[in-house]
Amino acid sequence: MMRGAEYRVSDPERVLPDAACASTDAEGAQPGVKSMLSEPETLPGTKRALLEGERRRTDAQRTLLEAERASPQATRGASASAQWQARLALGFERDGARTILARRAHEGPLHVQKPLYPEGRDVCQCIIVHPPGGIADSDELRLDVEVGPGAHAQLTTPGAAKWYRSSGARASSHASFRIASRAILEWLPQGTIVFNGAFADSAYRVDCASDASFFGWDVVCLGRTASAERFTQGQWRQRFEIRRDNVLIWNERAVLDTRAGVVASSVGLNGYAVFGTFVTMSYAVDTVFDRAALDACRALMPAQGDGTVTRLPSILVARYRGDSSEAAHAYFVAVWSLIRPLVTGRAATPPRIWRT
């Protein structure tokens, strides 16, 4: 059931180019130009909102679990009625020498902060915020992003997504990315934590033009390893598809069920709790990414766990398997730092929110 009393459904909002760019400035671009990132209330405010949302959601989950222990049948309907459905749609366009967030519409608790320009006007950076702080029974999140011809958008999150223990129903998240000719999209979230007992589905679909470029990763931690929790009950299903000019060129599906042996198997996770995949799709992989660049990527090693890089036609894939989300993220950032200049002509500039 939609929480209309807490999150107002907004109509699609047209962001005027002048207004969009007047509210943000390039970080360190020109002397005397003030960056909105220097405003102390922006990033801490995001953290406060997430912590408050997570606290409220955790309290609600704790109450439901306590009630479930007392009367499982009585709480089954309550869990279904407490679901949150959320959708966020974003449209980026090229406007002269700059990329702007031209369209945005949200439904439910999934939002985007105002655009940032830490690299100048060419690259529009946005932070996707989910105020509840976690995903639980029957929750459905949907993110739809369209990047117009010649535009360059970079999306990240203020922290790891959390998937809570399920009382029986599945939760799901779907992301759809459409990238036009000569456009670039970077999807660089800060990871996923799957609580023990969660039953969850995660799906990505990328549709792009033949001369578009896409960077995207996901780091998944099974169980709250910081508190010594292991993923001994539940199921994580993941799907990742890339289509170029309507032709499927990448299709990966994973089902990690604690009743099967893939989590412990040496050909699966080998007992590790963290795994991740980083995919770069671009025509530049075939044209400017030479053997020396591939060897440089393969020479990188994570601080903990296993890492590897594979080159396919138009696709470069880096993988991680280990016990540290931090090591996985740092490894992918290192690979990204080598690949990005070759694909985009721009040095890799990590989002500032990663350091908060």
Protein backbone atom coordinates (compact mmCIF):
# COMPACT_ATOMS: atom_id res chain seq x y z
CA MET A 1 0.00 0.00 0.00
CA MET A 2 1.36 3.38 -0.93
CA ARG A 3 2.26 5.61 1.97
CA GLY A 4 0.51 8.62 0.50
CA ALA A 5 0.21 10.30 3.87
CA GLU A 6 3.99 10.38 4.26
CA TYR A 7 5.23 10.80 0.69
CA ARG A 8 3.31 13.01 -1.68
CA VAL A 9 3.09 11.87 -5.28
CA SER A 10 4.51 14.62 -7.44
CA ASP A 11 3.82 15.44 -11.03
CA PRO A 12 6.66 15.24 -13.54
CA GLU A 13 8.80 18.30 -13.01
CA ARG A 14 10.47 20.19 -15.80
CA VAL A 15 13.78 21.62 -14.69
CA LEU A 16 14.63 24.75 -16.61
CA PRO A 17 18.22 24.73 -17.88
CA ASP A 18 19.12 28.09 -16.34
CA ALA A 19 17.64 27.17 -12.98
CA ALA A 20 19.32 23.77 -12.96
CA CYS A 21 22.76 25.21 -13.60
CA ALA A 22 22.37 28.31 -11.47
CA SER A 23 21.87 26.19 -8.37
CA THR A 24 25.11 24.23 -8.75
CA ASP A 25 28.70 25.08 -9.52
CA ALA A 26 31.82 23.25 -10.52
CA GLU A 27 33.96 22.09 -7.65
CA GLY A 28 37.32 23.77 -7.93
CA ALA A 29 36.68 24.79 -11.54
CA GLN A 30 37.53 28.49 -11.52
CA PRO A 31 38.89 30.75 -8.78
CA GLY A 32 36.08 32.52 -7.00
CA VAL A 33 33.41 30.04 -8.14
CA LYS A 34 31.62 28.65 -5.12
CA SER A 35 30.75 24.95 -5.11
CA MET A 36 27.52 23.84 -3.51
CA LEU A 37 29.51 20.92 -2.11
CA SER A 38 31.19 23.40 0.20
CA GLU A 39 27.88 24.05 1.93
CA PRO A 40 28.09 21.98 5.12
CA GLU A 41 24.39 21.28 5.38
CA THR A 42 24.03 19.42 2.06
CA LEU A 43 25.76 16.10 2.62
CA PRO A 44 25.28 15.84 6.40
CA GLY A 45 21.59 16.53 5.81
CA THR A 46 21.41 13.53 3.51
CA LYS A 47 23.05 11.35 6.12
CA ARG A 48 20.66 12.57 8.83
CA ALA A 49 17.64 11.84 6.65
CA LEU A 50 18.88 8.34 5.88
CA LEU A 51 19.71 7.56 9.51
CA GLU A 52 16.30 8.79 10.67
CA GLY A 53 14.52 6.81 7.94
CA GLU A 54 16.52 3.69 8.77
CA ARG A 55 15.79 4.09 12.49
CA ARG A 56 12.05 4.37 11.87
CA ARG A 57 12.06 1.42 9.50
CA THR A 58 14.14 -0.71 11.87
CA ASP A 59 11.77 0.09 14.76
CA ALA A 60 8.80 -0.89 12.60
CA GLN A 61 10.50 -4.14 11.58
CA ARG A 62 11.37 -4.95 15.19
CA THR A 63 7.76 -4.38 16.26
CA LEU A 64 6.51 -6.58 13.44
CA LEU A 65 8.96 -9.37 14.26
CA GLU A 66 8.00 -9.31 17.94
CA ALA A 67 4.33 -9.48 16.98
CA GLU A 68 5.11 -12.27 14.51
CA ARG A 69 6.67 -14.39 17.25
CA ALA A 70 3.52 -13.93 19.33
CA SER A 71 1.04 -14.50 16.48
CA PRO A 72 2.46 -15.35 13.02
CA GLN A 73 -0.96 -15.61 11.37
CA ALA A 74 -2.13 -12.23 12.61
CA THR A 75 0.95 -10.39 11.34
CA ARG A 76 1.00 -11.87 7.85
CA GLY A 77 -1.54 -9.37 6.56
CA ALA A 78 0.12 -6.50 8.41
CA SER A 79 3.42 -7.18 6.64
CA ALA A 80 1.77 -7.01 3.23
CA SER A 81 -0.05 -3.78 4.05
CA ALA A 82 3.19 -2.13 5.22
CA GLN A 83 4.89 -2.41 1.84
CA TRP A 84 6.36 0.61 0.12
CA GLN A 85 6.24 1.08 -3.63
CA ALA A 86 8.52 3.74 -5.02
CA ARG A 87 9.48 4.93 -8.49
CA LEU A 88 11.91 7.56 -9.70
CA ALA A 89 12.24 8.62 -13.33
CA LEU A 90 15.08 10.87 -14.50
CA GLY A 91 15.81 12.39 -17.91
CA PHE A 92 19.15 13.97 -18.79
CA GLU A 93 19.75 16.11 -21.86
CA ARG A 94 22.59 17.94 -23.54
CA ASP A 95 22.05 21.70 -23.54
CA GLY A 96 24.90 23.34 -25.41
CA ALA A 97 28.11 22.58 -23.52
CA ARG A 98 26.39 21.20 -20.44
CA THR A 99 24.35 18.21 -19.31
CA ILE A 100 21.18 19.02 -17.38
CA LEU A 101 18.60 17.08 -15.41
CA ALA A 102 15.73 18.00 -17.70
CA ARG A 103 12.99 15.76 -16.29
CA ARG A 104 12.29 14.09 -13.00
CA ALA A 105 9.23 12.46 -11.48
CA HIS A 106 8.90 10.44 -8.31
CA GLU A 107 6.27 8.34 -6.65
CA GLY A 108 6.79 7.20 -3.08
CA PRO A 109 10.02 7.34 -1.04
CA LEU A 110 12.64 7.49 -3.77
CA HIS A 111 14.19 10.86 -4.55
CA VAL A 112 17.07 12.64 -6.25
CA GLN A 113 18.99 15.56 -4.84
CA LYS A 114 19.66 18.64 -6.94
CA PRO A 115 22.33 18.13 -9.62
CA LEU A 116 26.01 18.56 -8.81
CA TYR A 117 28.79 19.55 -11.20
CA PRO A 118 32.10 18.64 -9.52
CA GLU A 119 33.75 18.12 -12.94
CA GLY A 120 32.27 21.13 -14.69
CA ARG A 121 29.17 21.52 -16.84
CA ASP A 122 29.74 18.49 -19.04
CA VAL A 123 28.99 15.86 -16.38
CA CYS A 124 25.79 16.00 -14.32
CA GLN A 125 26.11 14.10 -11.04
CA CYS A 126 23.05 13.10 -9.03
CA ILE A 127 22.62 11.31 -5.71
CA ILE A 128 19.72 8.86 -5.44
CA VAL A 129 18.19 8.84 -1.96
CA HIS A 130 15.86 6.26 -0.43
CA PRO A 131 14.77 7.87 2.89
CA PRO A 132 13.41 4.69 4.57
CA GLY A 133 16.98 3.38 4.57
CA GLY A 134 16.09 -0.21 3.70
CA ILE A 135 13.91 -2.53 1.64
CA ALA A 136 11.56 -5.01 3.32
CA ASP A 137 8.64 -7.37 2.66
CA SER A 138 6.86 -6.72 -0.64
CA ASP A 139 8.63 -3.39 -1.19
CA GLU A 140 9.07 -2.51 -4.85
CA LEU A 141 11.58 0.08 -6.04
CA ARG A 142 11.91 1.16 -9.65
CA LEU A 143 14.47 3.52 -11.16
CA ASP A 144 14.11 4.65 -14.79
CA VAL A 145 16.88 6.75 -16.30
CA GLU A 146 17.14 8.15 -19.81
CA VAL A 147 20.28 9.90 -21.05
CA GLY A 148 19.77 11.91 -24.25
CA PRO A 149 22.19 12.25 -27.19
CA GLY A 150 25.61 13.55 -26.16
CA ALA A 151 24.73 13.88 -22.46
CA HIS A 152 26.87 12.53 -19.60
CA ALA A 153 25.23 11.55 -16.30
CA GLN A 154 26.74 10.04 -13.18
CA LEU A 155 24.54 8.48 -10.48
CA THR A 156 25.53 7.30 -7.03
CA THR A 157 24.03 6.73 -3.58
CA PRO A 158 24.84 8.13 -0.11
CA GLY A 159 25.32 4.66 1.39
CA ALA A 160 24.73 0.95 0.96
CA ALA A 161 21.21 -0.29 0.22
CA LYS A 162 19.85 -2.63 2.90
CA TRP A 163 17.52 -5.56 2.30
CA TYR A 164 15.79 -6.60 5.52
CA ARG A 165 14.76 -10.03 6.76
CA SER A 166 11.53 -11.21 5.16
CA SER A 167 8.52 -12.65 6.93
CA GLY A 168 7.54 -14.47 3.74
CA ALA A 169 7.06 -11.98 0.90
CA ARG A 170 9.74 -11.01 -1.63
CA ALA A 171 11.13 -7.50 -2.07
CA SER A 172 12.35 -6.22 -5.43
CA SER A 173 14.32 -3.46 -7.10
CA HIS A 174 14.39 -2.78 -10.84
CA ALA A 175 16.60 -0.28 -12.66
CA SER A 176 16.17 0.55 -16.34
CA PHE A 177 18.75 2.67 -18.17
CA ARG A 178 18.34 4.03 -21.72
CA ILE A 179 21.43 5.65 -23.24
CA ALA A 180 21.24 7.49 -26.57
CA SER A 181 23.88 8.09 -29.22
CA ARG A 182 27.21 9.46 -27.92
CA ALA A 183 25.78 9.55 -24.40
CA ILE A 184 27.46 8.25 -21.23
CA LEU A 185 25.91 6.90 -18.04
CA GLU A 186 27.85 5.97 -14.91
CA TRP A 187 25.95 3.95 -12.31
CA LEU A 188 28.20 3.86 -9.21
CA PRO A 189 26.19 2.91 -6.10
CA GLN A 190 27.79 2.25 -2.72
CA GLY A 191 26.84 -1.39 -2.41
CA THR A 192 24.12 -3.66 -1.07
CA ILE A 193 23.73 -5.44 2.28
CA VAL A 194 21.39 -8.44 2.28
CA PHE A 195 20.27 -9.33 5.81
CA ASN A 196 20.02 -12.94 6.84
CA GLY A 197 16.51 -14.20 6.08
CA ALA A 198 15.93 -11.80 3.17
CA PHE A 199 14.17 -12.92 -0.01
CA ALA A 200 14.94 -10.34 -2.67
CA ASP A 201 15.16 -9.71 -6.40
CA SER A 202 17.46 -7.17 -8.07
CA ALA A 203 17.33 -6.45 -11.80
CA TYR A 204 19.21 -4.13 -14.15
CA ARG A 205 18.44 -3.53 -17.80
CA VAL A 206 20.54 -1.29 -20.06
CA ASP A 207 19.37 -0.28 -23.55
CA CYS A 208 21.92 1.77 -25.46
CA ALA A 209 22.90 3.03 -28.88
CA SER A 210 25.89 1.52 -30.66
CA ASP A 211 28.11 4.52 -29.83
CA ALA A 212 26.93 5.00 -26.23
CA SER A 213 28.95 4.13 -23.12
CA PHE A 214 27.94 2.63 -19.79
CA PHE A 215 29.78 2.06 -16.52
CA GLY A 216 27.96 0.13 -13.82
CA TRP A 217 28.76 -1.92 -10.75
CA ASP A 218 27.12 -3.61 -7.83
CA VAL A 219 28.76 -4.94 -4.66
CA VAL A 220 26.63 -7.34 -2.61
CA CYS A 221 27.32 -8.38 0.99
CA LEU A 222 25.38 -11.42 2.19
CA GLY A 223 24.69 -10.92 5.88
CA ARG A 224 25.75 -8.14 8.23
CA THR A 225 29.35 -9.22 8.51
CA ALA A 226 30.24 -6.29 10.77
CA SER A 227 28.09 -7.90 13.47
CA ALA A 228 29.24 -11.44 12.59
CA GLU A 229 25.94 -12.29 10.88
CA ARG A 230 26.10 -14.85 8.07
CA PHE A 231 23.59 -15.46 5.30
CA THR A 232 22.25 -18.86 6.35
CA GLN A 233 18.57 -18.39 5.41
CA GLY A 234 17.03 -16.65 2.41
CA GLN A 235 17.51 -16.14 -1.30
CA TRP A 236 19.10 -13.43 -3.45
CA ARG A 237 18.18 -13.31 -7.15
CA GLN A 238 19.98 -10.96 -9.51
CA ARG A 239 19.60 -10.21 -13.23
CA PHE A 240 21.69 -7.93 -15.43
CA GLU A 241 21.03 -7.38 -19.14
CA ILE A 242 22.59 -5.05 -21.71
CA ARG A 243 21.11 -4.49 -25.16
CA ARG A 244 22.87 -2.47 -27.84
CA ASP A 245 20.71 -1.41 -30.78
CA ASN A 246 18.07 -3.86 -29.47
CA VAL A 247 20.52 -6.79 -29.57
CA LEU A 248 21.24 -8.62 -26.32
CA ILE A 249 25.02 -8.54 -25.75
CA TRP A 250 25.21 -9.24 -22.00
CA ASN A 251 22.92 -11.46 -19.95
CA GLU A 252 23.80 -12.60 -16.46
CA ARG A 253 21.53 -14.20 -13.90
CA ALA A 254 22.33 -15.44 -10.42
CA VAL A 255 20.29 -17.25 -7.81
CA LEU A 256 21.96 -17.54 -4.41
CA ASP A 257 19.79 -19.81 -2.29
CA THR A 258 21.01 -20.94 1.11
CA ARG A 259 19.39 -24.33 0.48
CA ALA A 260 21.74 -24.88 -2.47
CA GLY A 261 25.50 -25.17 -2.32
CA VAL A 262 26.59 -22.29 -4.53
CA VAL A 263 27.42 -19.97 -1.61
CA ALA A 264 29.86 -22.46 -0.11
CA SER A 265 31.05 -24.11 -3.36
CA SER A 266 34.52 -23.33 -4.71
CA VAL A 267 32.94 -22.65 -8.11
CA GLY A 268 30.53 -20.22 -6.44
CA LEU A 269 31.36 -17.86 -3.61
CA ASN A 270 33.67 -20.34 -1.87
CA GLY A 271 32.18 -19.38 1.48
CA TYR A 272 32.84 -15.66 1.01
CA ALA A 273 30.18 -13.13 2.00
CA VAL A 274 30.89 -10.38 -0.56
CA PHE A 275 30.83 -10.45 -4.34
CA GLY A 276 30.63 -7.82 -7.04
CA THR A 277 30.58 -7.17 -10.77
CA PHE A 278 31.72 -4.06 -12.62
CA VAL A 279 30.75 -3.81 -16.30
CA THR A 280 32.00 -1.25 -18.81
CA MET A 281 30.20 -1.28 -22.16
CA SER A 282 31.56 0.96 -24.91
CA TYR A 283 32.77 0.87 -28.48
CA ALA A 284 36.01 2.30 -27.02
CA VAL A 285 36.72 -1.11 -25.48
CA ASP A 286 37.30 -2.37 -29.04
CA THR A 287 39.02 0.72 -30.43
CA VAL A 288 41.24 2.41 -27.81
CA PHE A 289 41.49 -0.15 -25.03
CA ASP A 290 44.70 -1.96 -26.01
CA ARG A 291 46.61 -4.85 -24.47
CA ALA A 292 48.69 -2.55 -22.27
CA ALA A 293 45.53 -1.08 -20.73
CA LEU A 294 44.13 -4.57 -20.14
CA ASP A 295 47.37 -5.69 -18.48
CA ALA A 296 47.30 -2.59 -16.27
CA CYS A 297 43.77 -3.46 -15.11
CA ARG A 298 44.73 -7.07 -14.47
CA ALA A 299 47.73 -5.96 -12.43
CA LEU A 300 45.38 -4.36 -9.90
CA MET A 301 44.53 -6.56 -6.94
CA PRO A 302 42.02 -6.00 -4.12
CA ALA A 303 43.36 -5.49 -0.61
CA GLN A 304 41.38 -8.55 0.47
CA GLY A 305 39.75 -11.32 -1.56
CA ASP A 306 40.01 -12.20 -5.26
CA GLY A 307 39.72 -9.92 -8.27
CA THR A 308 39.87 -10.50 -12.01
CA VAL A 309 39.26 -8.60 -15.27
CA THR A 310 37.90 -10.09 -18.50
CA ARG A 311 37.67 -8.46 -21.92
CA LEU A 312 34.82 -9.31 -24.28
CA PRO A 313 33.68 -7.63 -27.51
CA SER A 314 32.73 -4.06 -26.47
CA ILE A 315 32.58 -5.12 -22.80
CA LEU A 316 35.11 -5.14 -19.98
CA VAL A 317 34.13 -7.05 -16.82
CA ALA A 318 35.80 -6.86 -13.41
CA ARG A 319 34.74 -9.23 -10.64
CA TYR A 320 35.36 -9.46 -6.93
CA ARG A 321 34.91 -12.25 -4.40
CA GLY A 322 35.93 -11.90 -0.77
CA ASP A 323 34.83 -10.77 2.68
CA SER A 324 35.17 -6.99 2.46
CA SER A 325 32.73 -4.57 0.83
CA GLU A 326 35.30 -1.80 1.32
CA ALA A 327 37.97 -3.80 -0.52
CA ALA A 328 35.53 -4.58 -3.35
CA HIS A 329 34.55 -0.92 -3.74
CA ALA A 330 38.17 0.26 -3.66
CA TYR A 331 39.11 -2.36 -6.26
CA PHE A 332 36.35 -1.29 -8.63
CA VAL A 333 37.24 2.38 -8.15
CA ALA A 334 40.85 1.57 -9.09
CA VAL A 335 39.74 -0.24 -12.26
CA TRP A 336 37.33 2.59 -13.08
CA SER A 337 40.15 5.10 -12.66
CA LEU A 338 42.12 3.33 -15.39
CA ILE A 339 39.23 2.74 -17.77
CA ARG A 340 37.32 6.02 -17.58
CA PRO A 341 39.98 8.28 -19.18
CA LEU A 342 40.23 5.92 -22.16
CA VAL A 343 36.48 5.76 -22.69
CA THR A 344 35.45 9.35 -21.88
CA GLY A 345 38.66 11.39 -22.14
CA ARG A 346 38.14 12.44 -18.51
CA ALA A 347 40.10 11.51 -15.41
CA ALA A 348 38.15 9.64 -12.76
CA THR A 349 36.82 11.99 -10.08
CA PRO A 350 35.26 10.05 -7.18
CA PRO A 351 32.02 11.60 -5.87
CA ARG A 352 32.63 13.55 -2.71
CA ILE A 353 29.83 11.81 -0.86
CA TRP A 354 31.91 8.60 -0.88
CA ARG A 355 34.20 10.29 1.64
CA THR A 356 31.43 11.19 4.11
